[in-house]
Amino acid sequence: LKEPALAVLAREAYRVLGLQSYFTAGEKEVRAWTIPIAATAPQAAGV
């Protein structure tokens, strides 16, 4: 196995829920944020 099958499952579950990620990046942290597919920029900021 290249990676645990659970990694594939987690990503696929995320997709099935209609979710996607965007990122913020700085010296403090690089972070992934969850938003629905087709979310607008203000909605993403609100997360």
All heavy atoms as atom14 arrays in JSON, in Angstrom:
{
  "sequence": "LKEPALAVLAREAYRVLGLQSYFTAGEKEVRAWTIPIAATAPQAAGV",
  "atom14_mask": [
    [1, 1, 1, 1, 1, 1, 1, 1, 0, 0, 0, 0, 0, 0],
    [1, 1, 1, 1, 1, 1, 1, 1, 1, 0, 0, 0, 0, 0],
    [1, 1, 1, 1, 1, 1, 1, 1, 1, 0, 0, 0, 0, 0],
    [1, 1, 1, 1, 1, 1, 1, 0, 0, 0, 0, 0, 0, 0],
    [1, 1, 1, 1, 1, 0, 0, 0, 0, 0, 0, 0, 0, 0],
    [1, 1, 1, 1, 1, 1, 1, 1, 0, 0, 0, 0, 0, 0],
    [1, 1, 1, 1, 1, 0, 0, 0, 0, 0, 0, 0, 0, 0],
    [1, 1, 1, 1, 1, 1, 1, 0, 0, 0, 0, 0, 0, 0],
    [1, 1, 1, 1, 1, 1, 1, 1, 0, 0, 0, 0, 0, 0],
    [1, 1, 1, 1, 1, 0, 0, 0, 0, 0, 0, 0, 0, 0],
    [1, 1, 1, 1, 1, 1, 1, 1, 1, 1, 1, 0, 0, 0],
    [1, 1, 1, 1, 1, 1, 1, 1, 1, 0, 0, 0, 0, 0],
    [1, 1, 1, 1, 1, 0, 0, 0, 0, 0, 0, 0, 0, 0],
    [1, 1, 1, 1, 1, 1, 1, 1, 1, 1, 1, 1, 0, 0],
    [1, 1, 1, 1, 1, 1, 1, 1, 1, 1, 1, 0, 0, 0],
    [1, 1, 1, 1, 1, 1, 1, 0, 0, 0, 0, 0, 0, 0],
    [1, 1, 1, 1, 1, 1, 1, 1, 0, 0, 0, 0, 0, 0],
    [1, 1, 1, 1, 0, 0, 0, 0, 0, 0, 0, 0, 0, 0],
    [1, 1, 1, 1, 1, 1, 1, 1, 0, 0, 0, 0, 0, 0],
    [1, 1, 1, 1, 1, 1, 1, 1, 1, 0, 0, 0, 0, 0],
    [1, 1, 1, 1, 1, 1, 0, 0, 0, 0, 0, 0, 0, 0],
    [1, 1, 1, 1, 1, 1, 1, 1, 1, 1, 1, 1, 0, 0],
    [1, 1, 1, 1, 1, 1, 1, 1, 1, 1, 1, 0, 0, 0],
    [1, 1, 1, 1, 1, 1, 1, 0, 0, 0, 0, 0, 0, 0],
    [1, 1, 1, 1, 1, 0, 0, 0, 0, 0, 0, 0, 0, 0],
    [1, 1, 1, 1, 0, 0, 0, 0, 0, 0, 0, 0, 0, 0],
    [1, 1, 1, 1, 1, 1, 1, 1, 1, 0, 0, 0, 0, 0],
    [1, 1, 1, 1, 1, 1, 1, 1, 1, 0, 0, 0, 0, 0],
    [1, 1, 1, 1, 1, 1, 1, 1, 1, 0, 0, 0, 0, 0],
    [1, 1, 1, 1, 1, 1, 1, 0, 0, 0, 0, 0, 0, 0],
    [1, 1, 1, 1, 1, 1, 1, 1, 1, 1, 1, 0, 0, 0],
    [1, 1, 1, 1, 1, 0, 0, 0, 0, 0, 0, 0, 0, 0],
    [1, 1, 1, 1, 1, 1, 1, 1, 1, 1, 1, 1, 1, 1],
    [1, 1, 1, 1, 1, 1, 1, 0, 0, 0, 0, 0, 0, 0],
    [1, 1, 1, 1, 1, 1, 1, 1, 0, 0, 0, 0, 0, 0],
    [1, 1, 1, 1, 1, 1, 1, 0, 0, 0, 0, 0, 0, 0],
    [1, 1, 1, 1, 1, 1, 1, 1, 0, 0, 0, 0, 0, 0],
    [1, 1, 1, 1, 1, 0, 0, 0, 0, 0, 0, 0, 0, 0],
    [1, 1, 1, 1, 1, 0, 0, 0, 0, 0, 0, 0, 0, 0],
    [1, 1, 1, 1, 1, 1, 1, 0, 0, 0, 0, 0, 0, 0],
    [1, 1, 1, 1, 1, 0, 0, 0, 0, 0, 0, 0, 0, 0],
    [1, 1, 1, 1, 1, 1, 1, 0, 0, 0, 0, 0, 0, 0],
    [1, 1, 1, 1, 1, 1, 1, 1, 1, 0, 0, 0, 0, 0],
    [1, 1, 1, 1, 1, 0, 0, 0, 0, 0, 0, 0, 0, 0],
    [1, 1, 1, 1, 1, 0, 0, 0, 0, 0, 0, 0, 0, 0],
    [1, 1, 1, 1, 0, 0, 0, 0, 0, 0, 0, 0, 0, 0],
    [1, 1, 1, 1, 1, 1, 1, 0, 0, 0, 0, 0, 0, 0]
  ],
  "atom14_positions": [
    [[0.83, -1.2, 0.0], [0.0, 0.0, 0.0], [0.87, 1.25, 0.0], [1.86, 1.32, 0.72], [-0.91, 0.01, 1.22], [-1.93, -1.12, 1.36], [-2.61, -1.07, 2.71], [-2.96, -1.06, 0.24], [0.0, 0.0, 0.0], [0.0, 0.0, 0.0], [0.0, 0.0, 0.0], [0.0, 0.0, 0.0], [0.0, 0.0, 0.0], [0.0, 0.0, 0.0]],
    [[0.49, 2.26, -0.79], [1.21, 3.53, -0.81], [0.84, 4.4, 0.39], [1.64, 5.2, 0.86], [0.91, 4.28, -2.12], [1.44, 3.59, -3.37], [1.13, 4.41, -4.61], [1.68, 3.73, -5.86], [1.37, 4.5, -7.09], [0.0, 0.0, 0.0], [0.0, 0.0, 0.0], [0.0, 0.0, 0.0], [0.0, 0.0, 0.0], [0.0, 0.0, 0.0]],
    [[-0.38, 4.26, 0.85], [-0.87, 5.01, 2.0], [-1.99, 4.2, 2.62], [-2.54, 3.28, 1.98], [-1.39, 6.39, 1.58], [-2.59, 6.35, 0.63], [-3.12, 7.73, 0.28], [-2.76, 8.71, 0.96], [-3.9, 7.82, -0.69], [0.0, 0.0, 0.0], [0.0, 0.0, 0.0], [0.0, 0.0, 0.0], [0.0, 0.0, 0.0], [0.0, 0.0, 0.0]],
    [[-2.34, 4.47, 3.86], [-3.48, 3.75, 4.45], [-4.73, 3.95, 3.6], [-4.98, 5.05, 3.09], [-3.63, 4.41, 5.83], [-2.28, 4.97, 6.14], [-1.72, 5.41, 4.81], [0.0, 0.0, 0.0], [0.0, 0.0, 0.0], [0.0, 0.0, 0.0], [0.0, 0.0, 0.0], [0.0, 0.0, 0.0], [0.0, 0.0, 0.0], [0.0, 0.0, 0.0]],
    [[-5.5, 2.9, 3.46], [-6.75, 3.01, 2.7], [-7.69, 4.0, 3.37], [-8.56, 4.59, 2.72], [-7.42, 1.64, 2.58], [0.0, 0.0, 0.0], [0.0, 0.0, 0.0], [0.0, 0.0, 0.0], [0.0, 0.0, 0.0], [0.0, 0.0, 0.0], [0.0, 0.0, 0.0], [0.0, 0.0, 0.0], [0.0, 0.0, 0.0], [0.0, 0.0, 0.0]],
    [[-7.49, 4.21, 4.66], [-8.32, 5.17, 5.38], [-8.14, 6.59, 4.85], [-9.05, 7.4, 4.91], [-7.98, 5.13, 6.87], [-8.25, 3.8, 7.59], [-7.88, 3.91, 9.05], [-9.7, 3.39, 7.43], [0.0, 0.0, 0.0], [0.0, 0.0, 0.0], [0.0, 0.0, 0.0], [0.0, 0.0, 0.0], [0.0, 0.0, 0.0], [0.0, 0.0, 0.0]],
    [[-6.93, 6.9, 4.34], [-6.7, 8.22, 3.76], [-7.57, 8.41, 2.53], [-8.16, 9.48, 2.32], [-5.22, 8.38, 3.41], [0.0, 0.0, 0.0], [0.0, 0.0, 0.0], [0.0, 0.0, 0.0], [0.0, 0.0, 0.0], [0.0, 0.0, 0.0], [0.0, 0.0, 0.0], [0.0, 0.0, 0.0], [0.0, 0.0, 0.0], [0.0, 0.0, 0.0]],
    [[-7.66, 7.37, 1.72], [-8.5, 7.41, 0.52], [-9.97, 7.56, 0.93], [-10.72, 8.35, 0.35], [-8.32, 6.13, -0.32], [-9.19, 6.17, -1.57], [-6.86, 5.94, -0.71], [0.0, 0.0, 0.0], [0.0, 0.0, 0.0], [0.0, 0.0, 0.0], [0.0, 0.0, 0.0], [0.0, 0.0, 0.0], [0.0, 0.0, 0.0], [0.0, 0.0, 0.0]],
    [[-10.36, 6.81, 1.94], [-11.74, 6.86, 2.42], [-12.1, 8.23, 2.95], [-13.17, 8.77, 2.64], [-11.94, 5.8, 3.51], [-13.29, 5.82, 4.23], [-14.44, 5.69, 3.25], [-13.34, 4.7, 5.27], [0.0, 0.0, 0.0], [0.0, 0.0, 0.0], [0.0, 0.0, 0.0], [0.0, 0.0, 0.0], [0.0, 0.0, 0.0], [0.0, 0.0, 0.0]],
    [[-11.21, 8.83, 3.74], [-11.49, 10.15, 4.31], [-11.66, 11.19, 3.21], [-12.58, 12.02, 3.25], [-10.36, 10.56, 5.25], [0.0, 0.0, 0.0], [0.0, 0.0, 0.0], [0.0, 0.0, 0.0], [0.0, 0.0, 0.0], [0.0, 0.0, 0.0], [0.0, 0.0, 0.0], [0.0, 0.0, 0.0], [0.0, 0.0, 0.0], [0.0, 0.0, 0.0]],
    [[-10.78, 11.16, 2.21], [-10.89, 12.13, 1.11], [-12.15, 11.91, 0.29], [-12.81, 12.87, -0.13], [-9.64, 12.03, 0.22], [-8.38, 12.62, 0.84], [-7.29, 12.81, -0.19], [-6.82, 11.55, -0.74], [-5.76, 10.87, -0.29], [-5.08, 11.32, 0.75], [-5.39, 9.74, -0.86], [0.0, 0.0, 0.0], [0.0, 0.0, 0.0], [0.0, 0.0, 0.0]],
    [[-12.52, 10.65, 0.07], [-13.71, 10.36, -0.72], [-14.98, 10.76, 0.05], [-15.93, 11.28, -0.54], [-13.75, 8.88, -1.07], [-14.86, 8.47, -2.02], [-14.76, 9.09, -3.41], [-13.71, 9.67, -3.72], [-15.75, 9.0, -4.17], [0.0, 0.0, 0.0], [0.0, 0.0, 0.0], [0.0, 0.0, 0.0], [0.0, 0.0, 0.0], [0.0, 0.0, 0.0]],
    [[-14.98, 10.54, 1.37], [-16.12, 10.97, 2.19], [-16.27, 12.49, 2.12], [-17.39, 13.01, 2.04], [-15.92, 10.52, 3.63], [0.0, 0.0, 0.0], [0.0, 0.0, 0.0], [0.0, 0.0, 0.0], [0.0, 0.0, 0.0], [0.0, 0.0, 0.0], [0.0, 0.0, 0.0], [0.0, 0.0, 0.0], [0.0, 0.0, 0.0], [0.0, 0.0, 0.0]],
    [[-15.16, 13.19, 2.15], [-15.13, 14.65, 2.04], [-15.77, 15.09, 0.73], [-16.59, 16.01, 0.68], [-13.67, 15.08, 2.12], [-13.4, 16.54, 2.41], [-13.7, 17.1, 3.64], [-12.76, 17.33, 1.47], [-13.39, 18.42, 3.92], [-12.45, 18.65, 1.73], [-12.77, 19.19, 2.96], [-12.46, 20.5, 3.23], [0.0, 0.0, 0.0], [0.0, 0.0, 0.0]],
    [[-15.39, 14.38, -0.35], [-15.92, 14.71, -1.68], [-17.42, 14.42, -1.76], [-18.19, 15.22, -2.31], [-15.18, 13.89, -2.75], [-15.59, 14.23, -4.18], [-15.17, 13.16, -5.17], [-15.83, 11.89, -4.92], [-17.08, 11.64, -5.29], [-17.81, 12.57, -5.9], [-17.63, 10.47, -5.05], [0.0, 0.0, 0.0], [0.0, 0.0, 0.0], [0.0, 0.0, 0.0]],
    [[-17.84, 13.29, -1.21], [-19.25, 12.9, -1.24], [-20.12, 13.94, -0.54], [-21.26, 14.2, -0.93], [-19.44, 11.51, -0.59], [-20.9, 11.22, -0.29], [-18.88, 10.43, -1.52], [0.0, 0.0, 0.0], [0.0, 0.0, 0.0], [0.0, 0.0, 0.0], [0.0, 0.0, 0.0], [0.0, 0.0, 0.0], [0.0, 0.0, 0.0], [0.0, 0.0, 0.0]],
    [[-19.56, 14.57, 0.49], [-20.29, 15.61, 1.21], [-20.35, 16.93, 0.45], [-20.98, 17.89, 0.9], [-19.63, 15.85, 2.57], [-19.99, 14.83, 3.66], [-19.0, 14.88, 4.81], [-21.41, 15.07, 4.17], [0.0, 0.0, 0.0], [0.0, 0.0, 0.0], [0.0, 0.0, 0.0], [0.0, 0.0, 0.0], [0.0, 0.0, 0.0], [0.0, 0.0, 0.0]],
    [[-19.68, 16.99, -0.7], [-19.7, 18.22, -1.49], [-18.82, 19.3, -0.92], [-19.13, 20.49, -1.01], [0.0, 0.0, 0.0], [0.0, 0.0, 0.0], [0.0, 0.0, 0.0], [0.0, 0.0, 0.0], [0.0, 0.0, 0.0], [0.0, 0.0, 0.0], [0.0, 0.0, 0.0], [0.0, 0.0, 0.0], [0.0, 0.0, 0.0], [0.0, 0.0, 0.0]],
    [[-17.69, 18.89, -0.31], [-16.79, 19.84, 0.33], [-15.49, 19.99, -0.44], [-15.1, 19.12, -1.22], [-16.48, 19.37, 1.76], [-17.69, 19.15, 2.67], [-17.25, 18.55, 4.0], [-18.46, 20.44, 2.88], [0.0, 0.0, 0.0], [0.0, 0.0, 0.0], [0.0, 0.0, 0.0], [0.0, 0.0, 0.0], [0.0, 0.0, 0.0], [0.0, 0.0, 0.0]],
    [[-14.82, 21.1, -0.21], [-13.49, 21.33, -0.77], [-12.69, 22.16, 0.23], [-13.24, 22.62, 1.24], [-13.57, 22.03, -2.12], [-14.16, 23.43, -2.07], [-14.26, 24.07, -3.45], [-14.11, 23.41, -4.48], [-14.52, 25.37, -3.49], [0.0, 0.0, 0.0], [0.0, 0.0, 0.0], [0.0, 0.0, 0.0], [0.0, 0.0, 0.0], [0.0, 0.0, 0.0]],
    [[-11.41, 22.33, -0.04], [-10.54, 23.06, 0.89], [-9.89, 24.26, 0.23], [-9.59, 24.23, -0.97], [-9.43, 22.13, 1.41], [-9.96, 21.04, 2.11], [0.0, 0.0, 0.0], [0.0, 0.0, 0.0], [0.0, 0.0, 0.0], [0.0, 0.0, 0.0], [0.0, 0.0, 0.0], [0.0, 0.0, 0.0], [0.0, 0.0, 0.0], [0.0, 0.0, 0.0]],
    [[-9.68, 25.31, 1.03], [-8.77, 26.37, 0.63], [-7.76, 26.53, 1.76], [-7.92, 25.94, 2.85], [-9.52, 27.68, 0.32], [-9.98, 28.45, 1.52], [-9.17, 29.4, 2.15], [-11.26, 28.26, 2.04], [-9.6, 30.12, 3.25], [-11.7, 28.97, 3.16], [-10.86, 29.9, 3.74], [-11.29, 30.6, 4.85], [0.0, 0.0, 0.0], [0.0, 0.0, 0.0]],
    [[-6.71, 27.31, 1.53], [-5.62, 27.4, 2.5], [-5.31, 28.84, 2.87], [-5.45, 29.75, 2.06], [-4.35, 26.75, 1.93], [-4.54, 25.31, 1.52], [-4.87, 24.98, 0.21], [-4.41, 24.28, 2.44], [-5.07, 23.67, -0.17], [-4.59, 22.96, 2.07], [-4.92, 22.65, 0.77], [0.0, 0.0, 0.0], [0.0, 0.0, 0.0], [0.0, 0.0, 0.0]],
    [[-4.88, 29.0, 4.12], [-4.22, 30.23, 4.54], [-2.81, 29.83, 4.95], [-2.6, 28.74, 5.49], [-4.95, 30.89, 5.71], [-5.13, 29.95, 6.79], [-6.3, 31.41, 5.28], [0.0, 0.0, 0.0], [0.0, 0.0, 0.0], [0.0, 0.0, 0.0], [0.0, 0.0, 0.0], [0.0, 0.0, 0.0], [0.0, 0.0, 0.0], [0.0, 0.0, 0.0]],
    [[-1.84, 30.7, 4.67], [-0.45, 30.33, 4.91], [0.33, 31.5, 5.49], [0.3, 32.61, 4.95], [0.2, 29.86, 3.61], [0.0, 0.0, 0.0], [0.0, 0.0, 0.0], [0.0, 0.0, 0.0], [0.0, 0.0, 0.0], [0.0, 0.0, 0.0], [0.0, 0.0, 0.0], [0.0, 0.0, 0.0], [0.0, 0.0, 0.0], [0.0, 0.0, 0.0]],
    [[1.02, 31.25, 6.59], [1.86, 32.27, 7.22], [2.84, 31.6, 8.17], [2.89, 30.38, 8.27], [0.0, 0.0, 0.0], [0.0, 0.0, 0.0], [0.0, 0.0, 0.0], [0.0, 0.0, 0.0], [0.0, 0.0, 0.0], [0.0, 0.0, 0.0], [0.0, 0.0, 0.0], [0.0, 0.0, 0.0], [0.0, 0.0, 0.0], [0.0, 0.0, 0.0]],
    [[3.62, 32.41, 8.85], [4.63, 31.86, 9.75], [4.01, 31.12, 10.94], [4.6, 30.19, 11.48], [5.54, 32.99, 10.27], [6.4, 33.62, 9.18], [7.31, 34.7, 9.74], [7.25, 34.96, 10.96], [8.09, 35.27, 8.96], [0.0, 0.0, 0.0], [0.0, 0.0, 0.0], [0.0, 0.0, 0.0], [0.0, 0.0, 0.0], [0.0, 0.0, 0.0]],
    [[2.83, 31.54, 11.36], [2.17, 30.9, 12.5], [1.66, 29.51, 12.13], [1.88, 28.54, 12.87], [1.01, 31.77, 12.99], [0.29, 31.21, 14.2], [-0.83, 32.14, 14.64], [-1.58, 31.55, 15.83], [-2.7, 32.43, 16.26], [0.0, 0.0, 0.0], [0.0, 0.0, 0.0], [0.0, 0.0, 0.0], [0.0, 0.0, 0.0], [0.0, 0.0, 0.0]],
    [[0.98, 29.41, 10.99], [0.44, 28.12, 10.58], [0.1, 28.12, 9.1], [-0.18, 29.16, 8.5], [-0.82, 27.75, 11.39], [-1.99, 28.68, 11.14], [-3.24, 28.33, 11.94], [-3.11, 27.66, 12.99], [-4.34, 28.72, 11.51], [0.0, 0.0, 0.0], [0.0, 0.0, 0.0], [0.0, 0.0, 0.0], [0.0, 0.0, 0.0], [0.0, 0.0, 0.0]],
    [[0.14, 26.92, 8.52], [-0.44, 26.67, 7.21], [-1.66, 25.8, 7.49], [-1.55, 24.72, 8.07], [0.55, 25.94, 6.27], [-0.17, 25.5, 5.0], [1.72, 26.84, 5.93], [0.0, 0.0, 0.0], [0.0, 0.0, 0.0], [0.0, 0.0, 0.0], [0.0, 0.0, 0.0], [0.0, 0.0, 0.0], [0.0, 0.0, 0.0], [0.0, 0.0, 0.0]],
    [[-2.82, 26.3, 7.09], [-4.07, 25.67, 7.52], [-5.02, 25.44, 6.36], [-5.15, 26.29, 5.47], [-4.75, 26.55, 8.57], [-5.99, 25.94, 9.21], [-6.59, 26.9, 10.21], [-7.62, 26.25, 11.0], [-7.59, 26.12, 12.32], [-6.55, 26.58, 13.0], [-8.57, 25.52, 12.96], [0.0, 0.0, 0.0], [0.0, 0.0, 0.0], [0.0, 0.0, 0.0]],
    [[-5.68, 24.28, 6.38], [-6.74, 23.97, 5.4], [-8.09, 24.29, 6.03], [-8.31, 23.98, 7.2], [-6.67, 22.51, 5.01], [0.0, 0.0, 0.0], [0.0, 0.0, 0.0], [0.0, 0.0, 0.0], [0.0, 0.0, 0.0], [0.0, 0.0, 0.0], [0.0, 0.0, 0.0], [0.0, 0.0, 0.0], [0.0, 0.0, 0.0], [0.0, 0.0, 0.0]],
    [[-8.95, 24.91, 5.25], [-10.29, 25.28, 5.73], [-11.34, 24.59, 4.86], [-11.18, 24.5, 3.64], [-10.5, 26.79, 5.66], [-9.53, 27.57, 6.49], [-8.3, 28.02, 6.11], [-9.69, 27.98, 7.85], [-7.69, 28.7, 7.13], [-8.52, 28.69, 8.22], [-10.72, 27.84, 8.79], [-8.35, 29.24, 9.49], [-10.55, 28.38, 10.05], [-9.38, 29.08, 10.39]],
    [[-12.4, 24.13, 5.5], [-13.47, 23.41, 4.79], [-14.56, 24.37, 4.34], [-15.07, 25.15, 5.15], [-14.09, 22.35, 5.71], [-13.09, 21.42, 6.11], [-15.2, 21.6, 4.98], [0.0, 0.0, 0.0], [0.0, 0.0, 0.0], [0.0, 0.0, 0.0], [0.0, 0.0, 0.0], [0.0, 0.0, 0.0], [0.0, 0.0, 0.0], [0.0, 0.0, 0.0]],
    [[-14.93, 24.27, 3.07], [-16.05, 25.06, 2.54], [-16.84, 24.18, 1.56], [-16.3, 23.25, 0.98], [-15.57, 26.33, 1.79], [-14.54, 25.97, 0.7], [-15.02, 27.36, 2.76], [-14.15, 27.13, -0.19], [0.0, 0.0, 0.0], [0.0, 0.0, 0.0], [0.0, 0.0, 0.0], [0.0, 0.0, 0.0], [0.0, 0.0, 0.0], [0.0, 0.0, 0.0]],
    [[-18.12, 24.48, 1.37], [-18.89, 23.76, 0.35], [-18.39, 24.14, -1.04], [-17.9, 25.26, -1.26], [-20.32, 24.27, 0.56], [-20.33, 24.91, 1.91], [-18.95, 25.43, 2.13], [0.0, 0.0, 0.0], [0.0, 0.0, 0.0], [0.0, 0.0, 0.0], [0.0, 0.0, 0.0], [0.0, 0.0, 0.0], [0.0, 0.0, 0.0], [0.0, 0.0, 0.0]],
    [[-18.47, 23.22, -1.96], [-18.15, 23.52, -3.35], [-19.09, 24.64, -3.81], [-20.27, 24.66, -3.49], [-18.33, 22.26, -4.22], [-17.26, 21.23, -3.85], [-18.25, 22.59, -5.7], [-17.46, 19.87, -4.49], [0.0, 0.0, 0.0], [0.0, 0.0, 0.0], [0.0, 0.0, 0.0], [0.0, 0.0, 0.0], [0.0, 0.0, 0.0], [0.0, 0.0, 0.0]],
    [[-18.55, 25.6, -4.54], [-19.27, 26.78, -5.05], [-19.47, 27.87, -4.01], [-20.2, 28.83, -4.24], [-20.62, 26.4, -5.67], [0.0, 0.0, 0.0], [0.0, 0.0, 0.0], [0.0, 0.0, 0.0], [0.0, 0.0, 0.0], [0.0, 0.0, 0.0], [0.0, 0.0, 0.0], [0.0, 0.0, 0.0], [0.0, 0.0, 0.0], [0.0, 0.0, 0.0]],
    [[-18.79, 27.79, -2.88], [-18.86, 28.87, -1.89], [-18.21, 30.13, -2.44], [-17.24, 30.06, -3.2], [-18.17, 28.45, -0.59], [0.0, 0.0, 0.0], [0.0, 0.0, 0.0], [0.0, 0.0, 0.0], [0.0, 0.0, 0.0], [0.0, 0.0, 0.0], [0.0, 0.0, 0.0], [0.0, 0.0, 0.0], [0.0, 0.0, 0.0], [0.0, 0.0, 0.0]],
    [[-18.74, 31.29, -2.06], [-18.16, 32.56, -2.49], [-17.01, 32.94, -1.54], [-16.87, 32.37, -0.45], [-19.2, 33.68, -2.46], [-19.66, 33.85, -1.1], [-20.38, 33.34, -3.37], [0.0, 0.0, 0.0], [0.0, 0.0, 0.0], [0.0, 0.0, 0.0], [0.0, 0.0, 0.0], [0.0, 0.0, 0.0], [0.0, 0.0, 0.0], [0.0, 0.0, 0.0]],
    [[-16.24, 33.93, -1.96], [-15.11, 34.38, -1.14], [-15.57, 34.87, 0.24], [-14.96, 34.52, 1.26], [-14.34, 35.48, -1.88], [0.0, 0.0, 0.0], [0.0, 0.0, 0.0], [0.0, 0.0, 0.0], [0.0, 0.0, 0.0], [0.0, 0.0, 0.0], [0.0, 0.0, 0.0], [0.0, 0.0, 0.0], [0.0, 0.0, 0.0], [0.0, 0.0, 0.0]],
    [[-16.64, 35.69, 0.35], [-17.1, 36.1, 1.68], [-17.51, 34.91, 2.55], [-17.25, 34.9, 3.75], [-18.28, 37.02, 1.39], [-18.02, 37.56, 0.02], [-17.38, 36.42, -0.71], [0.0, 0.0, 0.0], [0.0, 0.0, 0.0], [0.0, 0.0, 0.0], [0.0, 0.0, 0.0], [0.0, 0.0, 0.0], [0.0, 0.0, 0.0], [0.0, 0.0, 0.0]],
    [[-18.17, 33.92, 1.94], [-18.57, 32.74, 2.7], [-17.35, 31.98, 3.2], [-17.33, 31.48, 4.33], [-19.45, 31.83, 1.83], [-20.83, 32.4, 1.56], [-21.59, 31.63, 0.49], [-21.01, 30.95, -0.35], [-22.91, 31.72, 0.53], [0.0, 0.0, 0.0], [0.0, 0.0, 0.0], [0.0, 0.0, 0.0], [0.0, 0.0, 0.0], [0.0, 0.0, 0.0]],
    [[-16.33, 31.89, 2.37], [-15.09, 31.22, 2.77], [-14.44, 31.98, 3.92], [-13.94, 31.38, 4.88], [-14.15, 31.11, 1.58], [0.0, 0.0, 0.0], [0.0, 0.0, 0.0], [0.0, 0.0, 0.0], [0.0, 0.0, 0.0], [0.0, 0.0, 0.0], [0.0, 0.0, 0.0], [0.0, 0.0, 0.0], [0.0, 0.0, 0.0], [0.0, 0.0, 0.0]],
    [[-14.44, 33.31, 3.83], [-13.86, 34.11, 4.9], [-14.62, 33.91, 6.21], [-14.03, 33.9, 7.29], [-13.88, 35.59, 4.5], [0.0, 0.0, 0.0], [0.0, 0.0, 0.0], [0.0, 0.0, 0.0], [0.0, 0.0, 0.0], [0.0, 0.0, 0.0], [0.0, 0.0, 0.0], [0.0, 0.0, 0.0], [0.0, 0.0, 0.0], [0.0, 0.0, 0.0]],
    [[-15.93, 33.73, 6.1], [-16.75, 33.54, 7.29], [-16.45, 32.26, 8.04], [-16.78, 32.14, 9.23], [0.0, 0.0, 0.0], [0.0, 0.0, 0.0], [0.0, 0.0, 0.0], [0.0, 0.0, 0.0], [0.0, 0.0, 0.0], [0.0, 0.0, 0.0], [0.0, 0.0, 0.0], [0.0, 0.0, 0.0], [0.0, 0.0, 0.0], [0.0, 0.0, 0.0]],
    [[-15.83, 31.29, 7.38], [-15.45, 30.05, 8.05], [-14.37, 30.33, 9.08], [-14.3, 29.69, 10.13], [-14.95, 29.01, 7.01], [-14.37, 27.78, 7.7], [-16.1, 28.59, 6.1], [0.0, 0.0, 0.0], [0.0, 0.0, 0.0], [0.0, 0.0, 0.0], [0.0, 0.0, 0.0], [0.0, 0.0, 0.0], [0.0, 0.0, 0.0], [0.0, 0.0, 0.0]]
  ]
}
